[in-house]
Amino acid sequence: HFFAQFPLRELSDAMSGKVLATRAEAVFRVLQPGDLHGLDVAARSFYNEPMLRSRGATVADWRAFLGHFEDCLQNGLSVAAVEPTTGEMMGLLLNRDLALPVPEGLTDRAQYSVDGFDALVAALLEVDEGFHHEHPSLSLGEAADLWILAVLPEYRGRGLAQALASVSLAHLRENGFKHATIEATSEFTARVVRRLGGWQAGRYVTFSTWEFRGGRPFTGVAPPHTALQFFSTKL
């Protein structure tokens, strides 16, 4: 567990955004409205996300997609991992209230260079359905979705993804959320969830067989990625 491995201490607000925790390699702080470049970091990080990578999605496509979630920079729930000396952003976790609707225009085809973002959103909503069925009167402030977990390629292999998730879970708990969810589009994210422990697997979409509008849009996803998997945990 992250908190057992890396003792946390409260820091001053010397860096932009409330500082939640620190370790030797990174300071974890709350994302702010001025952190718009964080969406560029997320787009660069998500370039190799397997579902849309199989469709040929570009960094620009991901930046267009993430532009619909600028509210995550303002909700006080999302977390950045920054280099302690320079403040350079190494990764982030965009957290979003699960009760919020899908942003208007998110799947409009004209903003993307490839097909597939509409299928991605449909698959995400499909795996979410099980949780919503179990919590039919879900209200704002009850369940938070660990929505976009992104670490730049040059900073991977340092445990930042798991640390971002652990710090986020503590932050969400402190803000009164009772549940956390995550949709793992890759085996790498699923491994992070399993290492965290205490998560329950829910619905999933198998890439090789899932159908959307008469086709199977994600048959090109390469191993080890085989399914979009929903997970949830109580906070």
C-alpha atoms as a PDB file:
ATOM      1  CA  HIS A   1       0.000   0.000   0.000  1.00  0.00           C
ATOM      2  CA  PHE A   2       1.330   3.434  -0.960  1.00  0.00           C
ATOM      3  CA  PHE A   3       0.826   5.001   2.457  1.00  0.00           C
ATOM      4  CA  ALA A   4       2.748   2.215   4.167  1.00  0.00           C
ATOM      5  CA  GLN A   5       5.678   2.440   1.761  1.00  0.00           C
ATOM      6  CA  PHE A   6       5.987   6.216   1.593  1.00  0.00           C
ATOM      7  CA  PRO A   7       5.202   8.144   4.803  1.00  0.00           C
ATOM      8  CA  LEU A   8       3.132  11.227   4.002  1.00  0.00           C
ATOM      9  CA  ARG A   9       3.488  14.680   5.467  1.00  0.00           C
ATOM     10  CA  GLU A  10       1.473  17.822   5.023  1.00  0.00           C
ATOM     11  CA  LEU A  11       3.225  20.565   3.050  1.00  0.00           C
ATOM     12  CA  SER A  12       2.656  24.278   2.626  1.00  0.00           C
ATOM     13  CA  ASP A  13       0.960  25.663  -0.462  1.00  0.00           C
ATOM     14  CA  ALA A  14       4.310  26.724  -1.913  1.00  0.00           C
ATOM     15  CA  MET A  15       3.380  25.011  -5.178  1.00  0.00           C
ATOM     16  CA  SER A  16       0.233  25.801  -7.153  1.00  0.00           C
ATOM     17  CA  GLY A  17      -2.673  23.851  -5.699  1.00  0.00           C
ATOM     18  CA  LYS A  18      -3.141  22.276  -2.300  1.00  0.00           C
ATOM     19  CA  VAL A  19      -0.362  19.785  -1.619  1.00  0.00           C
ATOM     20  CA  LEU A  20      -1.709  16.417  -0.491  1.00  0.00           C
ATOM     21  CA  ALA A  21       1.425  14.321  -0.069  1.00  0.00           C
ATOM     22  CA  THR A  22       5.082  14.018  -1.003  1.00  0.00           C
ATOM     23  CA  ARG A  23       7.662  11.359  -1.637  1.00  0.00           C
ATOM     24  CA  ALA A  24      11.212  11.525  -2.971  1.00  0.00           C
ATOM     25  CA  GLU A  25      10.214  11.416  -6.646  1.00  0.00           C
ATOM     26  CA  ALA A  26       7.043  13.513  -6.653  1.00  0.00           C
ATOM     27  CA  VAL A  27       4.786  15.973  -4.899  1.00  0.00           C
ATOM     28  CA  PHE A  28       1.064  15.249  -5.209  1.00  0.00           C
ATOM     29  CA  ARG A  29      -1.178  18.286  -5.361  1.00  0.00           C
ATOM     30  CA  VAL A  30      -4.729  19.203  -6.312  1.00  0.00           C
ATOM     31  CA  LEU A  31      -5.163  20.289  -9.913  1.00  0.00           C
ATOM     32  CA  GLN A  32      -6.230  23.898 -10.479  1.00  0.00           C
ATOM     33  CA  PRO A  33      -8.074  25.746 -13.292  1.00  0.00           C
ATOM     34  CA  GLY A  34      -4.725  27.174 -14.417  1.00  0.00           C
ATOM     35  CA  ASP A  35      -3.366  23.665 -15.031  1.00  0.00           C
ATOM     36  CA  LEU A  36      -4.730  23.548 -18.575  1.00  0.00           C
ATOM     37  CA  HIS A  37      -1.425  22.061 -19.776  1.00  0.00           C
ATOM     38  CA  GLY A  38      -2.368  19.033 -17.695  1.00  0.00           C
ATOM     39  CA  LEU A  39      -4.749  18.046 -20.474  1.00  0.00           C
ATOM     40  CA  ASP A  40      -1.775  18.058 -22.873  1.00  0.00           C
ATOM     41  CA  VAL A  41       0.102  15.817 -20.442  1.00  0.00           C
ATOM     42  CA  ALA A  42      -2.886  13.462 -20.340  1.00  0.00           C
ATOM     43  CA  ALA A  43      -3.183  13.444 -24.146  1.00  0.00           C
ATOM     44  CA  ARG A  44       0.506  12.565 -24.566  1.00  0.00           C
ATOM     45  CA  SER A  45       0.187   9.869 -21.928  1.00  0.00           C
ATOM     46  CA  PHE A  46      -2.979   8.386 -23.422  1.00  0.00           C
ATOM     47  CA  TYR A  47      -1.570   8.123 -26.938  1.00  0.00           C
ATOM     48  CA  ASN A  48      -0.924   4.412 -26.391  1.00  0.00           C
ATOM     49  CA  GLU A  49      -4.298   3.668 -24.751  1.00  0.00           C
ATOM     50  CA  PRO A  50      -5.055   0.339 -26.484  1.00  0.00           C
ATOM     51  CA  MET A  51      -8.697   0.766 -27.496  1.00  0.00           C
ATOM     52  CA  LEU A  52      -8.244   3.946 -29.533  1.00  0.00           C
ATOM     53  CA  ARG A  53      -4.636   3.195 -30.456  1.00  0.00           C
ATOM     54  CA  SER A  54      -6.039   0.241 -32.394  1.00  0.00           C
ATOM     55  CA  ARG A  55      -8.162   2.739 -34.323  1.00  0.00           C
ATOM     56  CA  GLY A  56      -5.224   5.029 -35.106  1.00  0.00           C
ATOM     57  CA  ALA A  57      -6.072   7.844 -32.673  1.00  0.00           C
ATOM     58  CA  THR A  58      -3.501  10.631 -32.362  1.00  0.00           C
ATOM     59  CA  VAL A  59      -2.385  12.867 -29.504  1.00  0.00           C
ATOM     60  CA  ALA A  60      -4.499  15.624 -31.089  1.00  0.00           C
ATOM     61  CA  ASP A  61      -7.543  13.342 -31.012  1.00  0.00           C
ATOM     62  CA  TRP A  62      -7.038  12.686 -27.312  1.00  0.00           C
ATOM     63  CA  ARG A  63      -6.551  16.386 -26.639  1.00  0.00           C
ATOM     64  CA  ALA A  64      -9.895  17.085 -28.335  1.00  0.00           C
ATOM     65  CA  PHE A  65     -11.547  14.382 -26.234  1.00  0.00           C
ATOM     66  CA  LEU A  66     -10.017  15.608 -22.982  1.00  0.00           C
ATOM     67  CA  GLY A  67     -11.017  19.181 -23.751  1.00  0.00           C
ATOM     68  CA  HIS A  68     -14.535  18.167 -22.759  1.00  0.00           C
ATOM     69  CA  PHE A  69     -13.320  17.499 -19.223  1.00  0.00           C
ATOM     70  CA  GLU A  70     -11.780  20.830 -18.270  1.00  0.00           C
ATOM     71  CA  ASP A  71     -14.204  20.789 -15.342  1.00  0.00           C
ATOM     72  CA  CYS A  72     -11.899  18.199 -13.752  1.00  0.00           C
ATOM     73  CA  LEU A  73      -9.331  20.977 -13.339  1.00  0.00           C
ATOM     74  CA  GLN A  74     -11.848  22.973 -11.319  1.00  0.00           C
ATOM     75  CA  ASN A  75     -13.632  20.391  -9.196  1.00  0.00           C
ATOM     76  CA  GLY A  76     -10.956  20.171  -6.478  1.00  0.00           C
ATOM     77  CA  LEU A  77     -10.878  16.373  -6.799  1.00  0.00           C
ATOM     78  CA  SER A  78      -8.195  15.736  -9.428  1.00  0.00           C
ATOM     79  CA  VAL A  79      -4.551  15.188  -8.535  1.00  0.00           C
ATOM     80  CA  ALA A  80      -1.228  15.930 -10.248  1.00  0.00           C
ATOM     81  CA  ALA A  81       2.179  14.371  -9.625  1.00  0.00           C
ATOM     82  CA  VAL A  82       4.868  17.017 -10.067  1.00  0.00           C
ATOM     83  CA  GLU A  83       8.650  16.943  -9.938  1.00  0.00           C
ATOM     84  CA  PRO A  84       9.632  18.275  -6.489  1.00  0.00           C
ATOM     85  CA  THR A  85      12.312  20.709  -7.686  1.00  0.00           C
ATOM     86  CA  THR A  86      10.955  22.074 -10.959  1.00  0.00           C
ATOM     87  CA  GLY A  87       7.220  21.572 -10.465  1.00  0.00           C
ATOM     88  CA  GLU A  88       7.040  19.895 -13.883  1.00  0.00           C
ATOM     89  CA  MET A  89       3.936  17.741 -14.199  1.00  0.00           C
ATOM     90  CA  MET A  90       4.831  14.070 -14.571  1.00  0.00           C
ATOM     91  CA  GLY A  91       1.344  12.623 -14.476  1.00  0.00           C
ATOM     92  CA  LEU A  92      -2.173  13.186 -13.223  1.00  0.00           C
ATOM     93  CA  LEU A  93      -5.424  11.544 -12.283  1.00  0.00           C
ATOM     94  CA  LEU A  94      -8.577  13.312 -13.404  1.00  0.00           C
ATOM     95  CA  ASN A  95     -11.298  12.397 -10.920  1.00  0.00           C
ATOM     96  CA  ARG A  96     -14.939  13.094 -11.733  1.00  0.00           C
ATOM     97  CA  ASP A  97     -18.266  12.651  -9.954  1.00  0.00           C
ATOM     98  CA  LEU A  98     -19.844   9.510 -11.408  1.00  0.00           C
ATOM     99  CA  ALA A  99     -23.320  11.053 -11.198  1.00  0.00           C
ATOM    100  CA  LEU A 100     -22.432  13.717 -13.787  1.00  0.00           C
ATOM    101  CA  PRO A 101     -23.728  13.187 -17.346  1.00  0.00           C
ATOM    102  CA  VAL A 102     -21.546  12.637 -20.394  1.00  0.00           C
ATOM    103  CA  PRO A 103     -20.442  16.069 -21.706  1.00  0.00           C
ATOM    104  CA  GLU A 104     -22.462  17.344 -24.627  1.00  0.00           C
ATOM    105  CA  GLY A 105     -20.674  16.917 -27.955  1.00  0.00           C
ATOM    106  CA  LEU A 106     -18.146  14.397 -26.635  1.00  0.00           C
ATOM    107  CA  THR A 107     -18.769  11.897 -29.435  1.00  0.00           C
ATOM    108  CA  ASP A 108     -19.225  14.337 -32.329  1.00  0.00           C
ATOM    109  CA  ARG A 109     -17.216  12.736 -35.158  1.00  0.00           C
ATOM    110  CA  ALA A 110     -15.995  16.002 -36.745  1.00  0.00           C
ATOM    111  CA  GLN A 111     -13.522  16.748 -33.946  1.00  0.00           C
ATOM    112  CA  TYR A 112     -11.594  13.488 -34.357  1.00  0.00           C
ATOM    113  CA  SER A 113      -9.400  12.185 -37.177  1.00  0.00           C
ATOM    114  CA  VAL A 114     -10.551   8.575 -36.680  1.00  0.00           C
ATOM    115  CA  ASP A 115     -13.678   6.619 -35.836  1.00  0.00           C
ATOM    116  CA  GLY A 116     -13.971   4.955 -32.456  1.00  0.00           C
ATOM    117  CA  PHE A 117     -14.486   7.578 -29.759  1.00  0.00           C
ATOM    118  CA  ASP A 118     -18.254   7.023 -29.898  1.00  0.00           C
ATOM    119  CA  ALA A 119     -17.653   3.291 -29.455  1.00  0.00           C
ATOM    120  CA  LEU A 120     -15.311   3.962 -26.536  1.00  0.00           C
ATOM    121  CA  VAL A 121     -17.931   6.061 -24.753  1.00  0.00           C
ATOM    122  CA  ALA A 122     -20.632   3.459 -25.423  1.00  0.00           C
ATOM    123  CA  ALA A 123     -18.432   0.716 -23.964  1.00  0.00           C
ATOM    124  CA  LEU A 124     -17.656   2.819 -20.882  1.00  0.00           C
ATOM    125  CA  LEU A 125     -21.340   3.485 -20.285  1.00  0.00           C
ATOM    126  CA  GLU A 126     -22.111  -0.208 -20.716  1.00  0.00           C
ATOM    127  CA  VAL A 127     -19.694  -1.323 -18.002  1.00  0.00           C
ATOM    128  CA  ASP A 128     -20.897   1.505 -15.744  1.00  0.00           C
ATOM    129  CA  GLU A 129     -24.472   0.203 -15.916  1.00  0.00           C
ATOM    130  CA  GLY A 130     -23.931  -2.494 -13.318  1.00  0.00           C
ATOM    131  CA  PHE A 131     -22.875   0.020 -10.656  1.00  0.00           C
ATOM    132  CA  HIS A 132     -25.758   2.345 -11.497  1.00  0.00           C
ATOM    133  CA  HIS A 133     -28.155  -0.600 -11.250  1.00  0.00           C
ATOM    134  CA  GLU A 134     -26.850  -1.343  -7.746  1.00  0.00           C
ATOM    135  CA  HIS A 135     -27.097   2.357  -6.799  1.00  0.00           C
ATOM    136  CA  PRO A 136     -30.242   3.569  -8.632  1.00  0.00           C
ATOM    137  CA  SER A 137     -30.523   6.847  -6.692  1.00  0.00           C
ATOM    138  CA  LEU A 138     -26.879   7.830  -7.024  1.00  0.00           C
ATOM    139  CA  SER A 139     -26.454  11.503  -6.199  1.00  0.00           C
ATOM    140  CA  LEU A 140     -23.651  14.022  -6.567  1.00  0.00           C
ATOM    141  CA  GLY A 141     -20.920  13.627  -3.972  1.00  0.00           C
ATOM    142  CA  GLU A 142     -21.516   9.919  -3.437  1.00  0.00           C
ATOM    143  CA  ALA A 143     -19.323   8.124  -6.006  1.00  0.00           C
ATOM    144  CA  ALA A 144     -16.189   9.407  -7.726  1.00  0.00           C
ATOM    145  CA  ASP A 145     -14.762   7.968 -10.927  1.00  0.00           C
ATOM    146  CA  LEU A 146     -10.981   7.746 -11.271  1.00  0.00           C
ATOM    147  CA  TRP A 147     -11.466   8.826 -14.836  1.00  0.00           C
ATOM    148  CA  ILE A 148      -8.150   9.536 -16.569  1.00  0.00           C
ATOM    149  CA  LEU A 149      -5.002   8.032 -15.041  1.00  0.00           C
ATOM    150  CA  ALA A 150      -2.030   9.306 -17.028  1.00  0.00           C
ATOM    151  CA  VAL A 151       1.747   9.232 -16.536  1.00  0.00           C
ATOM    152  CA  LEU A 152       4.115  10.580 -19.185  1.00  0.00           C
ATOM    153  CA  PRO A 153       6.218   7.818 -20.810  1.00  0.00           C
ATOM    154  CA  GLU A 154       9.502   9.272 -19.540  1.00  0.00           C
ATOM    155  CA  TYR A 155       8.307   8.998 -15.923  1.00  0.00           C
ATOM    156  CA  ARG A 156       6.861   5.495 -15.990  1.00  0.00           C
ATOM    157  CA  GLY A 157       8.257   2.659 -13.916  1.00  0.00           C
ATOM    158  CA  ARG A 158       8.422   4.771 -10.738  1.00  0.00           C
ATOM    159  CA  GLY A 159       5.136   3.718  -9.181  1.00  0.00           C
ATOM    160  CA  LEU A 160       3.480   7.054  -9.961  1.00  0.00           C
ATOM    161  CA  ALA A 161       0.251   5.542 -11.311  1.00  0.00           C
ATOM    162  CA  GLN A 162      -0.397   3.592  -8.133  1.00  0.00           C
ATOM    163  CA  ALA A 163       0.646   6.562  -5.996  1.00  0.00           C
ATOM    164  CA  LEU A 164      -1.731   8.892  -7.868  1.00  0.00           C
ATOM    165  CA  ALA A 165      -4.566   6.424  -7.273  1.00  0.00           C
ATOM    166  CA  SER A 166      -3.770   6.021  -3.574  1.00  0.00           C
ATOM    167  CA  VAL A 167      -3.480   9.748  -2.928  1.00  0.00           C
ATOM    168  CA  SER A 168      -6.691  10.359  -4.888  1.00  0.00           C
ATOM    169  CA  LEU A 169      -8.611   7.773  -2.875  1.00  0.00           C
ATOM    170  CA  ALA A 170      -7.587   9.406   0.399  1.00  0.00           C
ATOM    171  CA  HIS A 171      -8.489  12.837  -0.981  1.00  0.00           C
ATOM    172  CA  LEU A 172     -11.904  11.650  -2.191  1.00  0.00           C
ATOM    173  CA  ARG A 173     -12.612  10.021   1.151  1.00  0.00           C
ATOM    174  CA  GLU A 174     -11.773  13.274   2.929  1.00  0.00           C
ATOM    175  CA  ASN A 175     -14.219  15.042   0.613  1.00  0.00           C
ATOM    176  CA  GLY A 176     -17.073  12.780   1.691  1.00  0.00           C
ATOM    177  CA  PHE A 177     -17.292  10.310  -1.192  1.00  0.00           C
ATOM    178  CA  LYS A 178     -18.467   6.835  -0.235  1.00  0.00           C
ATOM    179  CA  HIS A 179     -17.480   4.926  -3.381  1.00  0.00           C
ATOM    180  CA  ALA A 180     -14.781   5.077  -6.037  1.00  0.00           C
ATOM    181  CA  THR A 181     -14.876   3.504  -9.483  1.00  0.00           C
ATOM    182  CA  ILE A 182     -12.482   3.025 -12.363  1.00  0.00           C
ATOM    183  CA  GLU A 183     -12.847   1.740 -15.924  1.00  0.00           C
ATOM    184  CA  ALA A 184      -9.581   0.033 -16.856  1.00  0.00           C
ATOM    185  CA  THR A 185      -9.157   0.212 -20.631  1.00  0.00           C
ATOM    186  CA  SER A 186      -5.758  -1.500 -20.458  1.00  0.00           C
ATOM    187  CA  GLU A 187      -4.177  -4.390 -18.598  1.00  0.00           C
ATOM    188  CA  PHE A 188      -1.681  -1.923 -17.142  1.00  0.00           C
ATOM    189  CA  THR A 189      -4.440   0.023 -15.371  1.00  0.00           C
ATOM    190  CA  ALA A 190      -6.086  -3.215 -14.243  1.00  0.00           C
ATOM    191  CA  ARG A 191      -2.789  -4.235 -12.633  1.00  0.00           C
ATOM    192  CA  VAL A 192      -2.657  -0.944 -10.730  1.00  0.00           C
ATOM    193  CA  VAL A 193      -6.150  -1.623  -9.394  1.00  0.00           C
ATOM    194  CA  ARG A 194      -5.266  -5.154  -8.336  1.00  0.00           C
ATOM    195  CA  ARG A 195      -2.143  -3.953  -6.534  1.00  0.00           C
ATOM    196  CA  LEU A 196      -4.199  -1.387  -4.628  1.00  0.00           C
ATOM    197  CA  GLY A 197      -6.367  -4.176  -3.219  1.00  0.00           C
ATOM    198  CA  GLY A 198      -9.940  -4.001  -1.968  1.00  0.00           C
ATOM    199  CA  TRP A 199     -11.569  -3.428  -5.356  1.00  0.00           C
ATOM    200  CA  GLN A 200     -14.493  -5.445  -6.696  1.00  0.00           C
ATOM    201  CA  ALA A 201     -14.565  -6.348 -10.389  1.00  0.00           C
ATOM    202  CA  GLY A 202     -17.813  -5.545 -12.186  1.00  0.00           C
ATOM    203  CA  ARG A 203     -18.995  -5.650 -15.769  1.00  0.00           C
ATOM    204  CA  TYR A 204     -16.519  -5.903 -18.623  1.00  0.00           C
ATOM    205  CA  VAL A 205     -16.357  -5.627 -22.394  1.00  0.00           C
ATOM    206  CA  THR A 206     -14.230  -8.173 -24.278  1.00  0.00           C
ATOM    207  CA  PHE A 207     -12.435  -6.430 -27.126  1.00  0.00           C
ATOM    208  CA  SER A 208     -12.523  -9.370 -29.542  1.00  0.00           C
ATOM    209  CA  THR A 209     -16.292  -9.920 -29.367  1.00  0.00           C
ATOM    210  CA  TRP A 210     -17.972  -6.671 -28.282  1.00  0.00           C
ATOM    211  CA  GLU A 211     -20.328  -5.298 -30.940  1.00  0.00           C
ATOM    212  CA  PHE A 212     -21.250  -1.700 -31.672  1.00  0.00           C
ATOM    213  CA  ARG A 213     -23.518  -0.561 -34.495  1.00  0.00           C
ATOM    214  CA  GLY A 214     -23.178  -3.846 -36.361  1.00  0.00           C
ATOM    215  CA  GLY A 215     -19.399  -4.110 -36.090  1.00  0.00           C
ATOM    216  CA  ARG A 216     -16.625  -5.064 -33.706  1.00  0.00           C
ATOM    217  CA  PRO A 217     -14.539  -1.894 -33.392  1.00  0.00           C
ATOM    218  CA  PHE A 218     -11.857  -3.167 -31.025  1.00  0.00           C
ATOM    219  CA  THR A 219     -10.775  -6.491 -32.527  1.00  0.00           C
ATOM    220  CA  GLY A 220      -7.447  -4.864 -33.362  1.00  0.00           C
ATOM    221  CA  VAL A 221      -6.476  -4.368 -29.713  1.00  0.00           C
ATOM    222  CA  ALA A 222      -3.283  -6.332 -29.106  1.00  0.00           C
ATOM    223  CA  PRO A 223      -2.454  -8.509 -26.085  1.00  0.00           C
ATOM    224  CA  PRO A 224      -2.017  -8.292 -23.153  1.00  0.00           C
ATOM    225  CA  HIS A 225      -5.067  -6.017 -23.349  1.00  0.00           C
ATOM    226  CA  THR A 226      -8.196  -8.140 -23.696  1.00  0.00           C
ATOM    227  CA  ALA A 227     -11.074  -6.268 -22.027  1.00  0.00           C
ATOM    228  CA  LEU A 228     -12.418  -3.011 -20.653  1.00  0.00           C
ATOM    229  CA  GLN A 229     -12.996  -3.805 -16.982  1.00  0.00           C
ATOM    230  CA  PHE A 230     -15.065  -1.927 -14.399  1.00  0.00           C
ATOM    231  CA  PHE A 231     -13.919  -1.862 -10.762  1.00  0.00           C
ATOM    232  CA  SER A 232     -15.410  -0.282  -7.635  1.00  0.00           C
ATOM    233  CA  THR A 233     -14.473   0.059  -3.986  1.00  0.00           C
ATOM    234  CA  LYS A 234     -15.960   1.530  -0.831  1.00  0.00           C
ATOM    235  CA  LEU A 235     -14.117   4.473   0.689  1.00  0.00           C
END
